[in-house]
Structure formats: structure tokens, C-alpha cells
Amino acid sequence: MKQKEIEEYEHFLEETGLSRNTVLLYTARAKDFLCSCGGQMFGRKTVDHYVERMRAVYRPRTINIYIVSLNRYLRWAGCQEYMVRTERIQPRRSLNNILSMQEYHKMLDYAWKTGRKKYYMLMRVLAGTGIRVGELQYITVEAIKEGSTDVYNKGKVREIIISNELSDMLLEYCREENIDTGVLFEGNKGKAISRNAVWQMLTRLAGGVGVNKKKACPHSFRHLFAKTYMEKYGNLAELGDILGHSSLETTRIYTLSTVEEKRGRMDLLGL
């Protein structure tokens, strides 16, 4: 492997404005490919053999990431004729490890009965608004009183709407906890609670009621909100607006049923 060539390639990638992580990924794959060639000249057969080795080890989605990385190097090296097509992957039509309504209420009941009001309210906010965990910083006392707030995320601005029932519940919680202003769910040093802290909090609750901990990730509550909203109102465009999606195809993913739900419906067919 020519170290100087790799260094030149890395410098080229950095000049294109790619993130540092992407540069490291592309460079690592180029190194791996050149090492597999044993310092020899490569051609069509060499490239195809390298890709076949990846297929024996990695899943299709990972292979595609690596193929894109490899193609980037081949293009830079002036060997476009050796570039490889990515794998064709059938779009997933089922979701895995998504919280059910029953499991959600189990976690709520457990949090309430064990005096974990903060946990209880946090879950109500995640499930009742469909916000991302990183957007909890926008749930302030002022926003609750207003019933809505603007969120700045992924270069876009959207309005989060807090239902009347949820607003009343949260204001009562604020009175009980003497929270007069600012962020509702604080972490260390008065800042908004961190993603990691929320994850650990939800994992503890899930473990307490026998819910699969993989289902307790904060994003599962966003999926639960989306599925419940669609089952109730069936308005995909409106749901996409609430979730802040620029594509309805992205919104549709949130409304897919789980494998367990599909299996349950198939059991009822009587065939």
C-alpha cells in the first residue's frame, strides 16, 4: 500500500468539505482495499473479489456504505471503469422494537406508582407531541402556557403544538415542583436534560415492568405518536407537518406496523 497515495487521497477528501467522520470512513475503506491487493495493481477481478469478500461478512446496508466509499476512491484514482453498483435492498415494510400502547401505559403506571413524576411527565410529552428527544429543550414553562412553541432543528423551523389536556397536566406539575420559568426537564447545571440521561431513565422504567429495553428508546415514543395519530385521523399530510418532515415518504415510515402486529392479524385469518 502506498502511504503517500493515501495521504493525498485523505487531503483531497478534506478539501471537498466532507465531515471528519466521513473522511475517516472513506480513507479507511481505501486502505483496506489497497491492503487486500497486496501492493499489486488492481483490476476488475480484484475489485469484484474484494466486494464478494464483503458480502460474506457484512449486511447489505453496510456493504452499500462500503461500496460508496470504494467507488469514491476508484473515481479519485481515475479507475471509474471498476466502480461497483450498490446492492438493491427491498424497502422495509415492518418496524421492529417499537413500543406498543399497552407497553407505554405499563411504563407510565410504573413511573407514577413509584413516585417518578419527572419520568412520567417526560414520557407524556414525548408521546403526546411526537417531538424528538433533542427537542425537549424547547418545552419550557412559557411554551406550555402558550400551548405551542417554535423548534429549530435540522435547518428548519416548525411549530410544536401542546394539547390542552397535556398543557393542564404539565402546568400542575410545574406548580407542584415550583418550576416558574425556563426548561421543564432539567439535567445538570440547569441545562436541558441530555439524550443519554433520557435513554437511561426510560431503560430503567422498561426494566421495571418487563418491557424490552430496545423498545424504550426515546424515538419509540415518536413512532407511537405517529401511529396513534394515523389510526385516529388518517391524515398523512397533517401528520408530516406535525412531525416536521419535508417528505411524506419519511412520514409513512413512522406509520408502518410491526412484525408482531402483522403476525397477529395473520393469526386471525383462519387459513
C-alpha atoms as a PDB file:
ATOM      1  CA  MET A   1       0.000   0.000   0.000  1.00  0.00           C
ATOM      2  CA  LYS A   2       1.320   3.427  -0.922  1.00  0.00           C
ATOM      3  CA  GLN A   3       1.108   5.571   2.208  1.00  0.00           C
ATOM      4  CA  LYS A   4       1.764   8.738   0.240  1.00  0.00           C
ATOM      5  CA  GLU A   5      -1.171   7.981  -2.032  1.00  0.00           C
ATOM      6  CA  ILE A   6      -3.485   7.504   0.941  1.00  0.00           C
ATOM      7  CA  GLU A   7      -2.328  10.784   2.433  1.00  0.00           C
ATOM      8  CA  GLU A   8      -3.004  12.566  -0.864  1.00  0.00           C
ATOM      9  CA  TYR A   9      -6.437  10.960  -1.036  1.00  0.00           C
ATOM     10  CA  GLU A  10      -7.241  11.998   2.539  1.00  0.00           C
ATOM     11  CA  HIS A  11      -6.151  15.557   1.784  1.00  0.00           C
ATOM     12  CA  PHE A  12      -8.391  15.560  -1.307  1.00  0.00           C
ATOM     13  CA  LEU A  13     -11.388  14.419   0.741  1.00  0.00           C
ATOM     14  CA  GLU A  14     -10.795  17.109   3.332  1.00  0.00           C
ATOM     15  CA  GLU A  15     -10.661  19.740   0.612  1.00  0.00           C
ATOM     16  CA  THR A  16     -14.111  18.712  -0.638  1.00  0.00           C
ATOM     17  CA  GLY A  17     -15.669  19.791   2.658  1.00  0.00           C
ATOM     18  CA  LEU A  18     -16.723  16.348   3.899  1.00  0.00           C
ATOM     19  CA  SER A  19     -17.131  15.827   7.634  1.00  0.00           C
ATOM     20  CA  ARG A  20     -14.168  14.395   9.528  1.00  0.00           C
ATOM     21  CA  ASN A  21     -16.017  11.143  10.209  1.00  0.00           C
ATOM     22  CA  THR A  22     -16.799  10.706   6.504  1.00  0.00           C
ATOM     23  CA  VAL A  23     -13.179  11.404   5.570  1.00  0.00           C
ATOM     24  CA  LEU A  24     -12.028   8.775   8.069  1.00  0.00           C
ATOM     25  CA  LEU A  25     -14.531   6.246   6.720  1.00  0.00           C
ATOM     26  CA  TYR A  26     -13.552   6.778   3.078  1.00  0.00           C
ATOM     27  CA  THR A  27      -9.857   6.692   3.900  1.00  0.00           C
ATOM     28  CA  ALA A  28     -10.193   3.522   5.976  1.00  0.00           C
ATOM     29  CA  ARG A  29     -12.017   1.714   3.179  1.00  0.00           C
ATOM     30  CA  ALA A  30      -9.386   2.795   0.649  1.00  0.00           C
ATOM     31  CA  LYS A  31      -6.641   1.472   2.921  1.00  0.00           C
ATOM     32  CA  ASP A  32      -8.492  -1.814   3.401  1.00  0.00           C
ATOM     33  CA  PHE A  33      -8.993  -2.233  -0.325  1.00  0.00           C
ATOM     34  CA  LEU A  34      -5.357  -1.496  -1.163  1.00  0.00           C
ATOM     35  CA  CYS A  35      -4.178  -3.872   1.561  1.00  0.00           C
ATOM     36  CA  SER A  36      -6.339  -6.619   0.051  1.00  0.00           C
ATOM     37  CA  CYS A  37      -4.489  -6.073  -3.235  1.00  0.00           C
ATOM     38  CA  GLY A  38      -1.171  -6.823  -1.543  1.00  0.00           C
ATOM     39  CA  GLY A  39       0.524  -3.868  -3.159  1.00  0.00           C
ATOM     40  CA  GLN A  40      -0.231  -5.187  -6.640  1.00  0.00           C
ATOM     41  CA  MET A  41      -2.040  -3.406  -9.474  1.00  0.00           C
ATOM     42  CA  PHE A  42      -5.785  -3.909  -9.293  1.00  0.00           C
ATOM     43  CA  GLY A  43      -8.369  -4.501 -11.976  1.00  0.00           C
ATOM     44  CA  ARG A  44     -11.964  -5.622 -12.467  1.00  0.00           C
ATOM     45  CA  LYS A  45     -11.404  -9.065 -10.971  1.00  0.00           C
ATOM     46  CA  THR A  46      -9.579  -7.652  -7.955  1.00  0.00           C
ATOM     47  CA  VAL A  47     -12.392  -5.238  -7.196  1.00  0.00           C
ATOM     48  CA  ASP A  48     -15.093  -7.874  -7.672  1.00  0.00           C
ATOM     49  CA  HIS A  49     -13.242 -10.291  -5.393  1.00  0.00           C
ATOM     50  CA  TYR A  50     -12.976  -7.602  -2.706  1.00  0.00           C
ATOM     51  CA  VAL A  51     -16.712  -6.892  -2.866  1.00  0.00           C
ATOM     52  CA  GLU A  52     -17.514 -10.615  -2.675  1.00  0.00           C
ATOM     53  CA  ARG A  53     -15.455 -10.841   0.495  1.00  0.00           C
ATOM     54  CA  MET A  54     -17.513  -8.019   1.997  1.00  0.00           C
ATOM     55  CA  ARG A  55     -20.756  -9.761   1.054  1.00  0.00           C
ATOM     56  CA  ALA A  56     -19.664 -12.778   3.069  1.00  0.00           C
ATOM     57  CA  VAL A  57     -19.144 -10.670   6.189  1.00  0.00           C
ATOM     58  CA  TYR A  58     -21.450  -7.634   6.224  1.00  0.00           C
ATOM     59  CA  ARG A  59     -25.139  -6.911   5.866  1.00  0.00           C
ATOM     60  CA  PRO A  60     -26.416  -5.297   2.639  1.00  0.00           C
ATOM     61  CA  ARG A  61     -26.799  -1.798   4.102  1.00  0.00           C
ATOM     62  CA  THR A  62     -23.254  -1.859   5.469  1.00  0.00           C
ATOM     63  CA  ILE A  63     -21.961  -3.233   2.175  1.00  0.00           C
ATOM     64  CA  ASN A  64     -23.583  -0.336   0.322  1.00  0.00           C
ATOM     65  CA  ILE A  65     -21.847   2.183   2.586  1.00  0.00           C
ATOM     66  CA  TYR A  66     -18.533   0.491   1.894  1.00  0.00           C
ATOM     67  CA  ILE A  67     -19.198   0.284  -1.856  1.00  0.00           C
ATOM     68  CA  VAL A  68     -19.906   4.015  -1.958  1.00  0.00           C
ATOM     69  CA  SER A  69     -16.629   4.559  -0.110  1.00  0.00           C
ATOM     70  CA  LEU A  70     -14.751   2.282  -2.510  1.00  0.00           C
ATOM     71  CA  ASN A  71     -16.261   3.979  -5.560  1.00  0.00           C
ATOM     72  CA  ARG A  72     -15.176   7.344  -4.234  1.00  0.00           C
ATOM     73  CA  TYR A  73     -11.592   6.146  -4.140  1.00  0.00           C
ATOM     74  CA  LEU A  74     -11.780   4.492  -7.577  1.00  0.00           C
ATOM     75  CA  ARG A  75     -13.122   7.708  -9.080  1.00  0.00           C
ATOM     76  CA  TRP A  76     -10.325   9.698  -7.482  1.00  0.00           C
ATOM     77  CA  ALA A  77      -7.743   7.183  -8.759  1.00  0.00           C
ATOM     78  CA  GLY A  78      -9.094   7.537 -12.315  1.00  0.00           C
ATOM     79  CA  CYS A  79     -10.462   3.984 -12.359  1.00  0.00           C
ATOM     80  CA  GLN A  80     -14.170   4.712 -12.869  1.00  0.00           C
ATOM     81  CA  GLU A  81     -14.474   1.638 -15.077  1.00  0.00           C
ATOM     82  CA  TYR A  82     -14.022  -0.551 -11.999  1.00  0.00           C
ATOM     83  CA  MET A  83     -16.744   1.097  -9.932  1.00  0.00           C
ATOM     84  CA  VAL A  84     -19.350  -1.232  -8.408  1.00  0.00           C
ATOM     85  CA  ARG A  85     -23.120  -0.973  -8.190  1.00  0.00           C
ATOM     86  CA  THR A  86     -24.642  -0.878  -4.740  1.00  0.00           C
ATOM     87  CA  GLU A  87     -26.880  -3.686  -3.546  1.00  0.00           C
ATOM     88  CA  ARG A  88     -30.583  -3.428  -4.265  1.00  0.00           C
ATOM     89  CA  ILE A  89     -32.404  -3.541  -0.930  1.00  0.00           C
ATOM     90  CA  GLN A  90     -36.141  -4.023  -0.682  1.00  0.00           C
ATOM     91  CA  PRO A  91     -37.610  -1.234   1.450  1.00  0.00           C
ATOM     92  CA  ARG A  92     -38.537  -2.397   4.940  1.00  0.00           C
ATOM     93  CA  ARG A  93     -42.283  -2.671   5.346  1.00  0.00           C
ATOM     94  CA  SER A  94     -42.285  -3.521   9.023  1.00  0.00           C
ATOM     95  CA  LEU A  95     -40.867  -1.888  12.108  1.00  0.00           C
ATOM     96  CA  ASN A  96     -39.010  -3.662  14.873  1.00  0.00           C
ATOM     97  CA  ASN A  97     -38.711  -2.846  18.572  1.00  0.00           C
ATOM     98  CA  ILE A  98     -41.468  -0.235  18.588  1.00  0.00           C
ATOM     99  CA  LEU A  99     -43.328   0.489  21.803  1.00  0.00           C
ATOM    100  CA  SER A 100     -46.961  -0.610  21.897  1.00  0.00           C
ATOM    101  CA  MET A 101     -49.733   1.376  23.559  1.00  0.00           C
ATOM    102  CA  GLN A 102     -50.013  -1.310  26.237  1.00  0.00           C
ATOM    103  CA  GLU A 103     -46.285  -1.166  26.987  1.00  0.00           C
ATOM    104  CA  TYR A 104     -46.403   2.629  27.060  1.00  0.00           C
ATOM    105  CA  HIS A 105     -49.139   2.570  29.710  1.00  0.00           C
ATOM    106  CA  LYS A 106     -47.222  -0.041  31.704  1.00  0.00           C
ATOM    107  CA  MET A 107     -44.256   2.297  31.876  1.00  0.00           C
ATOM    108  CA  LEU A 108     -46.479   5.255  32.734  1.00  0.00           C
ATOM    109  CA  ASP A 109     -48.213   3.388  35.543  1.00  0.00           C
ATOM    110  CA  TYR A 110     -44.916   2.162  36.939  1.00  0.00           C
ATOM    111  CA  ALA A 111     -43.406   5.658  36.924  1.00  0.00           C
ATOM    112  CA  TRP A 112     -46.473   7.099  38.654  1.00  0.00           C
ATOM    113  CA  LYS A 113     -46.767   4.391  41.297  1.00  0.00           C
ATOM    114  CA  THR A 114     -43.077   4.610  42.180  1.00  0.00           C
ATOM    115  CA  GLY A 115     -43.174   8.390  42.557  1.00  0.00           C
ATOM    116  CA  ARG A 116     -41.153   9.174  39.454  1.00  0.00           C
ATOM    117  CA  LYS A 117     -43.251  12.148  38.361  1.00  0.00           C
ATOM    118  CA  LYS A 118     -40.496  13.616  36.220  1.00  0.00           C
ATOM    119  CA  TYR A 119     -40.198  10.366  34.278  1.00  0.00           C
ATOM    120  CA  TYR A 120     -43.976  10.188  33.950  1.00  0.00           C
ATOM    121  CA  MET A 121     -44.294  13.725  32.593  1.00  0.00           C
ATOM    122  CA  LEU A 122     -41.366  13.307  30.232  1.00  0.00           C
ATOM    123  CA  MET A 123     -42.975  10.242  28.647  1.00  0.00           C
ATOM    124  CA  ARG A 124     -46.275  12.075  28.334  1.00  0.00           C
ATOM    125  CA  VAL A 125     -44.510  14.898  26.486  1.00  0.00           C
ATOM    126  CA  LEU A 126     -42.608  12.597  24.114  1.00  0.00           C
ATOM    127  CA  ALA A 127     -45.673  10.521  23.279  1.00  0.00           C
ATOM    128  CA  GLY A 128     -48.153  13.408  23.320  1.00  0.00           C
ATOM    129  CA  THR A 129     -46.266  15.732  20.982  1.00  0.00           C
ATOM    130  CA  GLY A 130     -44.171  13.427  18.787  1.00  0.00           C
ATOM    131  CA  ILE A 131     -41.068  15.550  19.343  1.00  0.00           C
ATOM    132  CA  ARG A 132     -37.518  14.288  19.066  1.00  0.00           C
ATOM    133  CA  VAL A 133     -35.607  13.850  22.324  1.00  0.00           C
ATOM    134  CA  GLY A 134     -33.267  16.665  21.342  1.00  0.00           C
ATOM    135  CA  GLU A 135     -36.256  18.993  21.161  1.00  0.00           C
ATOM    136  CA  LEU A 136     -37.121  18.657  24.856  1.00  0.00           C
ATOM    137  CA  GLN A 137     -35.106  21.849  25.375  1.00  0.00           C
ATOM    138  CA  TYR A 138     -37.950  23.774  23.732  1.00  0.00           C
ATOM    139  CA  ILE A 139     -40.543  22.521  26.208  1.00  0.00           C
ATOM    140  CA  THR A 140     -40.453  25.448  28.633  1.00  0.00           C
ATOM    141  CA  VAL A 141     -42.958  26.820  31.143  1.00  0.00           C
ATOM    142  CA  GLU A 142     -43.606  29.675  28.724  1.00  0.00           C
ATOM    143  CA  ALA A 143     -44.278  27.262  25.838  1.00  0.00           C
ATOM    144  CA  ILE A 144     -46.665  25.212  27.968  1.00  0.00           C
ATOM    145  CA  LYS A 145     -48.655  28.318  28.895  1.00  0.00           C
ATOM    146  CA  GLU A 146     -48.753  29.374  25.243  1.00  0.00           C
ATOM    147  CA  GLY A 147     -49.747  25.895  24.089  1.00  0.00           C
ATOM    148  CA  SER A 148     -47.116  25.873  21.348  1.00  0.00           C
ATOM    149  CA  THR A 149     -43.529  26.782  20.566  1.00  0.00           C
ATOM    150  CA  ASP A 150     -41.174  27.079  17.609  1.00  0.00           C
ATOM    151  CA  VAL A 151     -38.495  24.436  17.221  1.00  0.00           C
ATOM    152  CA  TYR A 152     -35.256  24.852  15.307  1.00  0.00           C
ATOM    153  CA  ASN A 153     -33.954  21.519  14.102  1.00  0.00           C
ATOM    154  CA  LYS A 154     -32.113  20.255  11.027  1.00  0.00           C
ATOM    155  CA  GLY A 155     -32.073  23.705   9.488  1.00  0.00           C
ATOM    156  CA  LYS A 156     -35.848  24.068   9.668  1.00  0.00           C
ATOM    157  CA  VAL A 157     -38.329  25.828  11.898  1.00  0.00           C
ATOM    158  CA  ARG A 158     -41.599  24.188  12.848  1.00  0.00           C
ATOM    159  CA  GLU A 159     -44.282  24.679  15.453  1.00  0.00           C
ATOM    160  CA  ILE A 160     -44.756  22.166  18.249  1.00  0.00           C
ATOM    161  CA  ILE A 161     -48.340  22.053  19.469  1.00  0.00           C
ATOM    162  CA  ILE A 162     -49.121  21.032  23.048  1.00  0.00           C
ATOM    163  CA  SER A 163     -52.659  19.777  23.579  1.00  0.00           C
ATOM    164  CA  ASN A 164     -54.905  21.431  26.172  1.00  0.00           C
ATOM    165  CA  GLU A 165     -55.000  18.280  28.278  1.00  0.00           C
ATOM    166  CA  LEU A 166     -51.222  17.939  28.264  1.00  0.00           C
ATOM    167  CA  SER A 167     -50.743  21.651  28.980  1.00  0.00           C
ATOM    168  CA  ASP A 168     -53.002  21.469  32.042  1.00  0.00           C
ATOM    169  CA  MET A 169     -51.175  18.407  33.303  1.00  0.00           C
ATOM    170  CA  LEU A 170     -47.753  19.992  32.838  1.00  0.00           C
ATOM    171  CA  LEU A 171     -48.755  23.283  34.482  1.00  0.00           C
ATOM    172  CA  GLU A 172     -49.996  21.379  37.515  1.00  0.00           C
ATOM    173  CA  TYR A 173     -46.655  19.580  37.629  1.00  0.00           C
ATOM    174  CA  CYS A 174     -44.850  22.935  37.430  1.00  0.00           C
ATOM    175  CA  ARG A 175     -46.831  24.238  40.398  1.00  0.00           C
ATOM    176  CA  GLU A 176     -46.078  21.142  42.446  1.00  0.00           C
ATOM    177  CA  GLU A 177     -42.353  21.286  41.659  1.00  0.00           C
ATOM    178  CA  ASN A 178     -42.069  25.085  41.915  1.00  0.00           C
ATOM    179  CA  ILE A 179     -40.897  25.431  38.322  1.00  0.00           C
ATOM    180  CA  ASP A 180     -41.707  29.034  37.412  1.00  0.00           C
ATOM    181  CA  THR A 181     -39.790  29.582  34.196  1.00  0.00           C
ATOM    182  CA  GLY A 182     -37.439  28.045  31.658  1.00  0.00           C
ATOM    183  CA  VAL A 183     -36.864  24.454  30.634  1.00  0.00           C
ATOM    184  CA  LEU A 184     -39.254  21.938  32.162  1.00  0.00           C
ATOM    185  CA  PHE A 185     -36.924  18.952  32.236  1.00  0.00           C
ATOM    186  CA  GLU A 186     -33.526  19.996  33.532  1.00  0.00           C
ATOM    187  CA  GLY A 187     -30.344  17.972  33.686  1.00  0.00           C
ATOM    188  CA  ASN A 188     -27.047  19.031  35.163  1.00  0.00           C
ATOM    189  CA  LYS A 189     -26.192  22.697  35.761  1.00  0.00           C
ATOM    190  CA  GLY A 190     -29.674  23.900  34.878  1.00  0.00           C
ATOM    191  CA  LYS A 191     -29.411  22.858  31.244  1.00  0.00           C
ATOM    192  CA  ALA A 192     -31.985  20.758  29.402  1.00  0.00           C
ATOM    193  CA  ILE A 193     -31.805  17.041  30.174  1.00  0.00           C
ATOM    194  CA  SER A 194     -29.383  15.165  27.898  1.00  0.00           C
ATOM    195  CA  ARG A 195     -30.258  12.434  25.418  1.00  0.00           C
ATOM    196  CA  ASN A 196     -28.216   9.925  27.388  1.00  0.00           C
ATOM    197  CA  ALA A 197     -29.988  10.763  30.646  1.00  0.00           C
ATOM    198  CA  VAL A 198     -33.392  10.314  28.984  1.00  0.00           C
ATOM    199  CA  TRP A 199     -32.293   6.998  27.487  1.00  0.00           C
ATOM    200  CA  GLN A 200     -31.119   5.705  30.870  1.00  0.00           C
ATOM    201  CA  MET A 201     -34.298   6.901  32.519  1.00  0.00           C
ATOM    202  CA  LEU A 202     -36.531   5.090  30.025  1.00  0.00           C
ATOM    203  CA  THR A 203     -34.407   1.951  30.138  1.00  0.00           C
ATOM    204  CA  ARG A 204     -34.796   1.750  33.916  1.00  0.00           C
ATOM    205  CA  LEU A 205     -38.558   2.074  33.628  1.00  0.00           C
ATOM    206  CA  ALA A 206     -38.754  -0.573  30.911  1.00  0.00           C
ATOM    207  CA  GLY A 207     -36.713  -2.972  33.010  1.00  0.00           C
ATOM    208  CA  GLY A 208     -39.048  -2.416  35.937  1.00  0.00           C
ATOM    209  CA  VAL A 209     -42.101  -3.650  34.034  1.00  0.00           C
ATOM    210  CA  GLY A 210     -40.517  -6.267  31.777  1.00  0.00           C
ATOM    211  CA  VAL A 211     -40.626  -4.238  28.564  1.00  0.00           C
ATOM    212  CA  ASN A 212     -37.851  -4.942  26.053  1.00  0.00           C
ATOM    213  CA  LYS A 213     -35.274  -2.250  26.694  1.00  0.00           C
ATOM    214  CA  LYS A 214     -34.707  -1.836  22.951  1.00  0.00           C
ATOM    215  CA  LYS A 215     -38.270  -0.531  22.764  1.00  0.00           C
ATOM    216  CA  ALA A 216     -37.606   2.100  25.403  1.00  0.00           C
ATOM    217  CA  CYS A 217     -35.537   4.411  23.222  1.00  0.00           C
ATOM    218  CA  PRO A 218     -36.938   7.976  23.049  1.00  0.00           C
ATOM    219  CA  HIS A 219     -37.660   7.664  19.314  1.00  0.00           C
ATOM    220  CA  SER A 220     -40.146   4.848  20.006  1.00  0.00           C
ATOM    221  CA  PHE A 221     -42.455   7.438  21.581  1.00  0.00           C
ATOM    222  CA  ARG A 222     -42.344   9.475  18.359  1.00  0.00           C
ATOM    223  CA  HIS A 223     -43.342   6.365  16.422  1.00  0.00           C
ATOM    224  CA  LEU A 224     -46.143   5.684  18.913  1.00  0.00           C
ATOM    225  CA  PHE A 225     -47.471   9.209  18.455  1.00  0.00           C
ATOM    226  CA  ALA A 226     -47.381   8.886  14.655  1.00  0.00           C
ATOM    227  CA  LYS A 227     -49.119   5.507  14.567  1.00  0.00           C
ATOM    228  CA  THR A 228     -51.797   6.595  17.028  1.00  0.00           C
ATOM    229  CA  TYR A 229     -52.438   9.826  15.114  1.00  0.00           C
ATOM    230  CA  MET A 230     -52.827   7.962  11.809  1.00  0.00           C
ATOM    231  CA  GLU A 231     -55.136   5.351  13.312  1.00  0.00           C
ATOM    232  CA  LYS A 232     -57.286   8.138  14.767  1.00  0.00           C
ATOM    233  CA  TYR A 233     -57.335  10.638  11.902  1.00  0.00           C
ATOM    234  CA  GLY A 234     -55.662   9.044   8.852  1.00  0.00           C
ATOM    235  CA  ASN A 235     -54.255  12.369   7.631  1.00  0.00           C
ATOM    236  CA  LEU A 236     -50.702  11.663   6.465  1.00  0.00           C
ATOM    237  CA  ALA A 237     -50.010  15.208   5.241  1.00  0.00           C
ATOM    238  CA  GLU A 238     -51.090  16.740   8.536  1.00  0.00           C
ATOM    239  CA  LEU A 239     -49.004  14.218  10.469  1.00  0.00           C
ATOM    240  CA  GLY A 240     -45.967  15.068   8.333  1.00  0.00           C
ATOM    241  CA  ASP A 241     -46.478  18.727   9.165  1.00  0.00           C
ATOM    242  CA  ILE A 242     -46.632  17.976  12.894  1.00  0.00           C
ATOM    243  CA  LEU A 243     -43.507  15.806  12.790  1.00  0.00           C
ATOM    244  CA  GLY A 244     -41.619  18.336  10.676  1.00  0.00           C
ATOM    245  CA  HIS A 245     -40.992  16.081   7.691  1.00  0.00           C
ATOM    246  CA  SER A 246     -40.276  17.553   4.271  1.00  0.00           C
ATOM    247  CA  SER A 247     -41.219  14.261   2.580  1.00  0.00           C
ATOM    248  CA  LEU A 248     -44.391  12.238   3.100  1.00  0.00           C
ATOM    249  CA  GLU A 249     -42.380   9.107   2.351  1.00  0.00           C
ATOM    250  CA  THR A 250     -40.458   9.766   5.565  1.00  0.00           C
ATOM    251  CA  THR A 251     -43.734  10.206   7.445  1.00  0.00           C
ATOM    252  CA  ARG A 252     -45.103   6.958   6.027  1.00  0.00           C
ATOM    253  CA  ILE A 253     -42.212   5.014   7.593  1.00  0.00           C
ATOM    254  CA  TYR A 254     -43.427   6.113  11.028  1.00  0.00           C
ATOM    255  CA  THR A 255     -46.852   4.615  10.380  1.00  0.00           C
ATOM    256  CA  LEU A 256     -45.707   1.101   9.427  1.00  0.00           C
ATOM    257  CA  SER A 257     -46.916  -1.770  11.541  1.00  0.00           C
ATOM    258  CA  THR A 258     -44.562  -4.023  13.478  1.00  0.00           C
ATOM    259  CA  VAL A 259     -43.824  -7.649  12.667  1.00  0.00           C
ATOM    260  CA  GLU A 260     -45.769  -8.657  15.793  1.00  0.00           C
ATOM    261  CA  GLU A 261     -48.827  -6.706  14.617  1.00  0.00           C
ATOM    262  CA  LYS A 262     -48.693  -8.280  11.170  1.00  0.00           C
ATOM    263  CA  ARG A 263     -48.322 -11.741  12.688  1.00  0.00           C
ATOM    264  CA  GLY A 264     -51.297 -11.131  14.986  1.00  0.00           C
ATOM    265  CA  ARG A 265     -53.512 -10.131  12.079  1.00  0.00           C
ATOM    266  CA  MET A 266     -52.399 -13.143  10.070  1.00  0.00           C
ATOM    267  CA  ASP A 267     -53.309 -15.402  13.008  1.00  0.00           C
ATOM    268  CA  LEU A 268     -56.864 -14.085  12.767  1.00  0.00           C
ATOM    269  CA  LEU A 269     -57.238 -15.040   9.107  1.00  0.00           C
ATOM    270  CA  GLY A 270     -58.152 -18.639   9.967  1.00  0.00           C
ATOM    271  CA  LEU A 271     -56.258 -20.014   6.987  1.00  0.00           C
END
